[in-house]
């Protein structure tokens, strides 16, 4: 389960919580409104449990512009996406 990020809208830091029922290979990525990958947050095998991570909305050039972003969790065959709003 991928929970809604908090706070949402955010500027420029947000927390992302997720839970997995069994050991799975987990991939969490952030995409912009055009579907471009912004950042890969997790790409590893994780044991069952609940987790929280912090995303700093910054790119190689600095802070990302205001807008809508998507956080996608993939754990095994399960995929879930949540919309996040960055406001400056």
C-alpha atoms as a PDB file:
ATOM      1  CA  UNK A   1       0.000   0.000   0.000  1.00  0.00           C
ATOM      2  CA  UNK A   2       1.256   3.446  -0.946  1.00  0.00           C
ATOM      3  CA  UNK A   3      -0.173   6.148   1.300  1.00  0.00           C
ATOM      4  CA  UNK A   4      -0.741   9.747   0.225  1.00  0.00           C
ATOM      5  CA  UNK A   5       2.343  11.876   0.792  1.00  0.00           C
ATOM      6  CA  UNK A   6       2.267  14.359   3.682  1.00  0.00           C
ATOM      7  CA  UNK A   7       2.019  17.263   3.501  1.00  0.00           C
ATOM      8  CA  UNK A   8       0.294  17.576   0.156  1.00  0.00           C
ATOM      9  CA  UNK A   9       0.680  20.160  -1.315  1.00  0.00           C
ATOM     10  CA  UNK A  10       4.286  20.459  -0.173  1.00  0.00           C
ATOM     11  CA  UNK A  11       7.296  22.775  -0.490  1.00  0.00           C
ATOM     12  CA  UNK A  12       9.953  21.355  -1.022  1.00  0.00           C
ATOM     13  CA  UNK A  13      10.005  18.339   1.351  1.00  0.00           C
ATOM     14  CA  UNK A  14       7.390  15.615   1.754  1.00  0.00           C
ATOM     15  CA  UNK A  15       7.122  12.249   3.487  1.00  0.00           C
ATOM     16  CA  UNK A  16       6.047   9.097   1.671  1.00  0.00           C
ATOM     17  CA  UNK A  17       4.800   6.066   3.616  1.00  0.00           C
ATOM     18  CA  UNK A  18       4.297   2.583   2.241  1.00  0.00           C
ATOM     19  CA  UNK A  19       3.680  -0.940   3.510  1.00  0.00           C
ATOM     20  CA  UNK A  20       4.371  -4.335   1.991  1.00  0.00           C
ATOM     21  CA  UNK A  21       2.834  -7.598   3.285  1.00  0.00           C
ATOM     22  CA  UNK A  22       5.792  -9.831   2.396  1.00  0.00           C
ATOM     23  CA  UNK A  23       9.392  -9.569   1.257  1.00  0.00           C
ATOM     24  CA  UNK A  24       9.345  -7.967  -2.183  1.00  0.00           C
ATOM     25  CA  UNK A  25      11.555  -6.138  -4.603  1.00  0.00           C
ATOM     26  CA  UNK A  26      10.381  -2.530  -4.208  1.00  0.00           C
ATOM     27  CA  UNK A  27      10.772   0.283  -6.715  1.00  0.00           C
ATOM     28  CA  UNK A  28       9.540   3.785  -5.891  1.00  0.00           C
ATOM     29  CA  UNK A  29       9.960   6.480  -8.520  1.00  0.00           C
ATOM     30  CA  UNK A  30       8.796  10.063  -8.948  1.00  0.00           C
ATOM     31  CA  UNK A  31       7.564  11.290 -12.338  1.00  0.00           C
ATOM     32  CA  UNK A  32       6.525  14.682 -13.649  1.00  0.00           C
ATOM     33  CA  UNK A  33       3.190  15.410 -15.355  1.00  0.00           C
ATOM     34  CA  UNK A  34       4.674  14.432 -18.751  1.00  0.00           C
ATOM     35  CA  UNK A  35       5.775  11.022 -17.467  1.00  0.00           C
ATOM     36  CA  UNK A  36       9.465  11.858 -17.280  1.00  0.00           C
ATOM     37  CA  UNK A  37      11.263  10.097 -14.441  1.00  0.00           C
ATOM     38  CA  UNK A  38      12.496  12.682 -11.931  1.00  0.00           C
ATOM     39  CA  UNK A  39      14.066  10.427  -9.321  1.00  0.00           C
ATOM     40  CA  UNK A  40      14.282   6.814  -8.193  1.00  0.00           C
ATOM     41  CA  UNK A  41      13.772   6.761  -4.409  1.00  0.00           C
ATOM     42  CA  UNK A  42      13.920   3.008  -3.701  1.00  0.00           C
ATOM     43  CA  UNK A  43      15.185   0.150  -5.854  1.00  0.00           C
ATOM     44  CA  UNK A  44      15.838  -2.752  -3.506  1.00  0.00           C
ATOM     45  CA  UNK A  45      14.442  -5.861  -1.897  1.00  0.00           C
ATOM     46  CA  UNK A  46      12.645  -5.045   1.365  1.00  0.00           C
ATOM     47  CA  UNK A  47      11.263  -7.326   4.080  1.00  0.00           C
ATOM     48  CA  UNK A  48       7.581  -7.131   5.011  1.00  0.00           C
ATOM     49  CA  UNK A  49       6.731  -4.035   7.019  1.00  0.00           C
ATOM     50  CA  UNK A  50       5.882  -0.347   6.990  1.00  0.00           C
ATOM     51  CA  UNK A  51       8.335   2.277   5.821  1.00  0.00           C
ATOM     52  CA  UNK A  52       8.629   6.049   5.563  1.00  0.00           C
ATOM     53  CA  UNK A  53      10.971   8.056   3.389  1.00  0.00           C
ATOM     54  CA  UNK A  54      11.517  11.756   2.819  1.00  0.00           C
ATOM     55  CA  UNK A  55      11.640  13.230  -0.672  1.00  0.00           C
ATOM     56  CA  UNK A  56      13.443  16.498  -1.259  1.00  0.00           C
ATOM     57  CA  UNK A  57      11.975  18.005  -4.446  1.00  0.00           C
ATOM     58  CA  UNK A  58      15.243  18.975  -6.044  1.00  0.00           C
ATOM     59  CA  UNK A  59      16.828  18.160  -9.366  1.00  0.00           C
ATOM     60  CA  UNK A  60      20.408  18.328 -10.578  1.00  0.00           C
ATOM     61  CA  UNK A  61      19.766  21.966 -11.534  1.00  0.00           C
ATOM     62  CA  UNK A  62      18.240  22.852  -8.163  1.00  0.00           C
ATOM     63  CA  UNK A  63      14.663  22.919  -6.953  1.00  0.00           C
ATOM     64  CA  UNK A  64      11.956  21.538  -9.198  1.00  0.00           C
ATOM     65  CA  UNK A  65       9.249  23.899 -10.460  1.00  0.00           C
ATOM     66  CA  UNK A  66       5.784  24.004  -8.929  1.00  0.00           C
ATOM     67  CA  UNK A  67       3.451  21.450 -10.428  1.00  0.00           C
ATOM     68  CA  UNK A  68       1.982  17.984 -10.249  1.00  0.00           C
ATOM     69  CA  UNK A  69       4.228  14.986  -9.708  1.00  0.00           C
ATOM     70  CA  UNK A  70       3.450  11.299  -9.362  1.00  0.00           C
ATOM     71  CA  UNK A  71       4.904   8.787  -6.925  1.00  0.00           C
ATOM     72  CA  UNK A  72       4.734   5.174  -8.170  1.00  0.00           C
ATOM     73  CA  UNK A  73       5.263   2.129  -5.965  1.00  0.00           C
ATOM     74  CA  UNK A  74       5.955  -1.231  -7.568  1.00  0.00           C
ATOM     75  CA  UNK A  75       6.305  -4.231  -5.254  1.00  0.00           C
ATOM     76  CA  UNK A  76       6.348  -7.511  -7.139  1.00  0.00           C
ATOM     77  CA  UNK A  77       3.266  -7.465  -9.412  1.00  0.00           C
ATOM     78  CA  UNK A  78       1.563  -4.711  -7.374  1.00  0.00           C
ATOM     79  CA  UNK A  79       1.673  -1.136  -8.713  1.00  0.00           C
ATOM     80  CA  UNK A  80       0.106   1.961  -7.163  1.00  0.00           C
ATOM     81  CA  UNK A  81       0.487   5.648  -8.018  1.00  0.00           C
ATOM     82  CA  UNK A  82      -0.317   8.788  -5.998  1.00  0.00           C
ATOM     83  CA  UNK A  83      -0.476  12.414  -7.156  1.00  0.00           C
ATOM     84  CA  UNK A  84       1.672  14.951  -5.314  1.00  0.00           C
ATOM     85  CA  UNK A  85       1.465  18.747  -5.674  1.00  0.00           C
ATOM     86  CA  UNK A  86       4.562  20.907  -5.273  1.00  0.00           C
ATOM     87  CA  UNK A  87       3.740  24.564  -4.558  1.00  0.00           C
ATOM     88  CA  UNK A  88       6.304  27.293  -4.104  1.00  0.00           C
END
